[in-house]
Amino acid sequence: MTNHSSRSRARPQLSDEAASYVRGLIMSGELRPGTSVRPESIGEALEISTTPAREALQALRVEGFLELVPRRGFLVAPLTGQDIRDLFKVQALIGGELASRAVTKAGPADVAELEALHHELIAAAARGDLELLEEKNHAFHREINLLADSRKIVWVLGLMTRYVPRRFYSSIPGWPQATLDDHARVLDGIRAKDPDAARTAMESHIVHSGELLAMHFDERIAAAEQRPPAESARAGG
């Protein structure tokens, strides 16, 4: 009974992990539209069985990232840089609202925590520690979202951010410095207890990040189109 329960809990986690992995490859432009994605290859890449890998691909089909074509299997659905910009514009509205609400909730200790995270971001960038930079970036946003004390809005934001590869931004030219500059403006708004300034800074930050990702995506797709079509060695057959 215990073993069966453990397997039941593990399977959704494995399929979620696989879905996140493939979603990241698509959003980064590594898997271009029309590329075949095979559950066997996903399972091999993540060292999991084909069952959760196939479940992940089915979930991505429902989300619109993949298409299931008879006799061809799962193919990457059309995606453009403008699609990415649109996702981030919606995310910016939600993130801006949370930042505005966080201002009214933040006390001195909360501001000090955000300042500490920002200094850790600066230090990570100076050392070139991109993995830590992404980790602290996530922590900075999470702290603001928790301060807003708006669980339903945070839940909606979570639906949006799941489509964005978390550990990918640092490879985008210009993102590390843009993050430091944008976070400083968000922090200024929170320090000043100015909800409108915090909202505007957060919205601009998220739109800016989306633009950098969209440009990177468009460049990768354009470069791939100059080469003969080939299935990805990491996810294709």
Protein backbone atom coordinates (compact mmCIF):
# COMPACT_ATOMS: atom_id res chain seq x y z
CA MET A 1 0.00 0.00 0.00
CA THR A 2 2.78 2.40 0.92
CA ASN A 3 4.75 1.63 -2.23
CA HIS A 4 1.69 2.16 -4.42
CA SER A 5 1.02 5.50 -2.71
CA SER A 6 4.62 6.60 -3.25
CA ARG A 7 4.43 5.74 -6.94
CA SER A 8 1.15 7.65 -7.26
CA ARG A 9 2.75 10.76 -5.78
CA ALA A 10 5.93 10.44 -7.81
CA ARG A 11 4.35 10.13 -11.26
CA PRO A 12 2.83 13.66 -11.42
CA GLN A 13 6.15 15.06 -10.25
CA LEU A 14 8.03 13.24 -12.99
CA SER A 15 5.57 14.28 -15.67
CA ASP A 16 5.67 17.88 -14.42
CA GLU A 17 9.47 17.80 -14.54
CA ALA A 18 9.40 16.46 -18.08
CA ALA A 19 6.83 19.05 -19.17
CA SER A 20 8.94 21.84 -17.69
CA TYR A 21 12.02 20.50 -19.47
CA VAL A 22 10.37 20.39 -22.90
CA ARG A 23 8.59 23.70 -22.33
CA GLY A 24 11.96 25.29 -21.61
CA LEU A 25 13.47 23.89 -24.81
CA ILE A 26 10.56 25.29 -26.81
CA MET A 27 10.50 28.73 -25.17
CA SER A 28 14.26 29.10 -25.55
CA GLY A 29 14.06 28.34 -29.26
CA GLU A 30 16.16 25.20 -28.94
CA LEU A 31 13.23 23.17 -30.25
CA ARG A 32 11.93 25.02 -33.29
CA PRO A 33 8.33 24.77 -34.56
CA GLY A 34 7.69 21.56 -36.46
CA THR A 35 10.37 19.58 -34.61
CA SER A 36 9.40 16.06 -33.60
CA VAL A 37 9.46 15.37 -29.86
CA ARG A 38 9.54 11.71 -28.85
CA PRO A 39 8.68 10.47 -25.35
CA GLU A 40 11.49 7.93 -25.57
CA SER A 41 14.06 10.69 -26.09
CA ILE A 42 12.60 12.77 -23.25
CA GLY A 43 12.70 9.77 -20.95
CA GLU A 44 16.31 9.08 -21.87
CA ALA A 45 17.35 12.71 -21.37
CA LEU A 46 15.75 12.88 -17.91
CA GLU A 47 16.40 9.25 -16.96
CA ILE A 48 12.71 8.50 -16.46
CA SER A 49 10.37 5.98 -18.06
CA THR A 50 8.40 6.78 -21.19
CA THR A 51 5.08 6.79 -19.30
CA PRO A 52 5.55 10.10 -17.43
CA ALA A 53 7.34 11.48 -20.50
CA ARG A 54 4.32 10.71 -22.66
CA GLU A 55 1.99 12.19 -20.03
CA ALA A 56 4.09 15.36 -20.13
CA LEU A 57 3.80 15.61 -23.91
CA GLN A 58 0.04 15.13 -23.70
CA ALA A 59 -0.14 17.97 -21.16
CA LEU A 60 1.93 20.21 -23.44
CA ARG A 61 -0.43 19.40 -26.29
CA VAL A 62 -3.34 20.63 -24.17
CA GLU A 63 -1.36 23.79 -23.36
CA GLY A 64 -0.77 24.42 -27.05
CA PHE A 65 2.99 23.88 -27.08
CA LEU A 66 2.77 20.63 -29.06
CA GLU A 67 0.57 19.21 -31.79
CA LEU A 68 -0.23 15.51 -32.17
CA VAL A 69 -0.10 14.62 -35.86
CA PRO A 70 -1.18 11.17 -37.14
CA ARG A 71 1.78 8.98 -38.14
CA ARG A 72 4.21 11.71 -37.09
CA GLY A 73 3.65 11.95 -33.37
CA PHE A 74 4.20 15.08 -31.28
CA LEU A 75 5.47 18.16 -33.11
CA VAL A 76 6.38 21.56 -31.69
CA ALA A 77 3.49 23.94 -32.38
CA PRO A 78 4.04 27.34 -34.02
CA LEU A 79 5.47 29.92 -31.61
CA THR A 80 6.79 33.41 -32.31
CA GLY A 81 8.62 36.11 -30.44
CA GLN A 82 5.37 38.09 -30.41
CA ASP A 83 3.67 35.22 -28.58
CA ILE A 84 6.35 35.50 -25.90
CA ARG A 85 5.92 39.28 -25.70
CA ASP A 86 2.17 38.82 -25.26
CA LEU A 87 2.66 36.36 -22.40
CA PHE A 88 4.98 38.74 -20.61
CA LYS A 89 2.67 41.72 -21.08
CA VAL A 90 -0.09 39.86 -19.28
CA GLN A 91 2.36 38.69 -16.63
CA ALA A 92 3.52 42.30 -16.18
CA LEU A 93 0.01 43.48 -15.30
CA ILE A 94 -0.29 40.81 -12.62
CA GLY A 95 3.23 41.33 -11.28
CA GLY A 96 2.69 45.08 -11.15
CA GLU A 97 -0.46 44.67 -9.08
CA LEU A 98 1.36 42.41 -6.63
CA ALA A 99 4.24 44.88 -6.29
CA SER A 100 1.78 47.69 -5.62
CA ARG A 101 0.06 45.67 -2.90
CA ALA A 102 3.39 44.63 -1.39
CA VAL A 103 4.20 48.30 -0.73
CA THR A 104 1.25 48.61 1.64
CA LYS A 105 2.28 45.48 3.54
CA ALA A 106 6.06 45.85 3.70
CA GLY A 107 7.59 46.77 7.03
CA PRO A 108 11.22 47.72 7.75
CA ALA A 109 12.25 44.07 8.14
CA ASP A 110 10.67 43.19 4.80
CA VAL A 111 12.44 46.04 3.03
CA ALA A 112 15.71 44.95 4.64
CA GLU A 113 15.18 41.41 3.33
CA LEU A 114 14.59 42.70 -0.21
CA GLU A 115 17.68 44.90 0.05
CA ALA A 116 19.74 41.91 1.19
CA LEU A 117 18.50 39.84 -1.75
CA HIS A 118 19.32 42.68 -4.12
CA HIS A 119 22.87 42.95 -2.75
CA GLU A 120 23.26 39.18 -3.18
CA LEU A 121 22.11 39.62 -6.79
CA ILE A 122 24.75 42.27 -7.35
CA ALA A 123 27.45 40.07 -5.79
CA ALA A 124 26.42 37.05 -7.87
CA ALA A 125 26.53 39.13 -11.06
CA ALA A 126 29.97 40.51 -10.16
CA ARG A 127 31.30 36.97 -9.68
CA GLY A 128 29.66 35.75 -12.86
CA ASP A 129 27.69 33.18 -10.86
CA LEU A 130 24.70 33.01 -13.19
CA GLU A 131 23.04 30.09 -11.43
CA LEU A 132 23.01 31.98 -8.13
CA LEU A 133 21.86 35.11 -9.95
CA GLU A 134 18.80 33.30 -11.25
CA GLU A 135 18.14 31.80 -7.82
CA LYS A 136 18.26 35.21 -6.11
CA ASN A 137 16.16 36.75 -8.86
CA HIS A 138 13.47 34.17 -8.18
CA ALA A 139 13.74 34.78 -4.42
CA PHE A 140 13.39 38.57 -4.90
CA HIS A 141 10.17 38.17 -6.88
CA ARG A 142 8.84 35.51 -4.52
CA GLU A 143 9.37 37.77 -1.50
CA ILE A 144 7.40 40.58 -3.15
CA ASN A 145 4.60 38.23 -4.19
CA LEU A 146 4.31 36.84 -0.66
CA LEU A 147 4.27 40.34 0.82
CA ALA A 148 1.28 41.21 -1.37
CA ASP A 149 -0.75 38.65 0.60
CA SER A 150 -3.00 37.98 -2.40
CA ARG A 151 -3.09 34.23 -2.85
CA LYS A 152 -5.46 34.12 -5.80
CA ILE A 153 -3.47 36.67 -7.79
CA VAL A 154 -0.25 34.80 -7.00
CA TRP A 155 -1.96 31.62 -8.21
CA VAL A 156 -2.84 33.28 -11.53
CA LEU A 157 0.72 34.55 -11.85
CA GLY A 158 1.95 31.01 -11.30
CA LEU A 159 -0.10 29.87 -14.29
CA MET A 160 1.71 32.44 -16.42
CA THR A 161 5.25 31.90 -15.16
CA ARG A 162 5.11 28.13 -15.62
CA TYR A 163 5.47 28.77 -19.35
CA VAL A 164 8.79 30.52 -18.85
CA PRO A 165 12.02 28.53 -18.34
CA ARG A 166 13.27 29.58 -14.91
CA ARG A 167 16.93 28.66 -15.42
CA PHE A 168 17.48 30.21 -18.79
CA TYR A 169 17.53 33.98 -18.46
CA SER A 170 21.20 34.25 -17.56
CA SER A 171 22.17 33.01 -21.03
CA ILE A 172 20.33 35.92 -22.66
CA PRO A 173 22.64 38.82 -23.58
CA GLY A 174 21.89 41.85 -21.43
CA TRP A 175 19.63 40.09 -18.93
CA PRO A 176 21.93 40.12 -15.86
CA GLN A 177 22.54 43.89 -15.95
CA ALA A 178 18.93 44.63 -16.89
CA THR A 179 17.79 42.63 -13.87
CA LEU A 180 20.02 44.57 -11.49
CA ASP A 181 18.86 47.92 -12.88
CA ASP A 182 15.18 46.99 -12.96
CA HIS A 183 15.17 45.48 -9.47
CA ALA A 184 16.79 48.64 -8.10
CA ARG A 185 13.87 50.70 -9.43
CA VAL A 186 11.32 48.28 -7.96
CA LEU A 187 13.11 48.47 -4.62
CA ASP A 188 13.15 52.28 -4.78
CA GLY A 189 9.36 52.29 -5.13
CA ILE A 190 8.93 49.95 -2.17
CA ARG A 191 11.34 51.95 0.00
CA ALA A 192 9.46 55.16 -0.83
CA LYS A 193 6.14 53.46 0.02
CA ASP A 194 4.91 54.50 -3.43
CA PRO A 195 2.53 51.82 -4.80
CA ASP A 196 2.30 53.44 -8.24
CA ALA A 197 6.08 53.66 -8.61
CA ALA A 198 6.50 50.02 -7.56
CA ARG A 199 3.78 48.93 -9.98
CA THR A 200 5.29 50.85 -12.89
CA ALA A 201 8.81 49.59 -12.14
CA MET A 202 7.68 45.96 -11.91
CA GLU A 203 5.59 46.14 -15.07
CA SER A 204 8.51 47.68 -16.97
CA HIS A 205 10.87 45.05 -15.58
CA ILE A 206 8.73 42.11 -16.69
CA VAL A 207 8.04 43.58 -20.13
CA HIS A 208 11.77 44.25 -20.49
CA SER A 209 12.60 40.64 -19.60
CA GLY A 210 10.02 39.42 -22.10
CA GLU A 211 11.49 41.57 -24.83
CA LEU A 212 14.98 40.20 -24.19
CA LEU A 213 13.68 36.62 -24.26
CA ALA A 214 11.62 37.26 -27.41
CA MET A 215 14.59 38.79 -29.22
CA HIS A 216 16.75 35.84 -28.20
CA PHE A 217 14.05 33.42 -29.37
CA ASP A 218 13.67 35.15 -32.74
CA GLU A 219 17.43 35.12 -33.27
CA ARG A 220 17.69 31.40 -32.50
CA ILE A 221 14.79 30.55 -34.79
CA ALA A 222 16.24 32.68 -37.60
CA ALA A 223 19.63 30.99 -37.20
CA ALA A 224 18.00 27.54 -37.20
CA GLU A 225 16.13 28.34 -40.40
CA GLN A 226 19.45 28.91 -42.13
CA ARG A 227 20.33 25.27 -41.46
CA PRO A 228 18.67 22.15 -42.90
CA PRO A 229 15.79 21.02 -40.66
CA ALA A 230 16.97 18.48 -38.13
CA GLU A 231 15.37 16.97 -35.12
CA SER A 232 16.89 17.89 -31.80
CA ALA A 233 19.35 15.34 -30.48
CA ARG A 234 18.09 16.08 -26.96
CA ALA A 235 14.35 15.70 -27.52
CA GLY A 236 13.72 14.45 -31.03
CA GLY A 237 14.12 11.10 -32.66
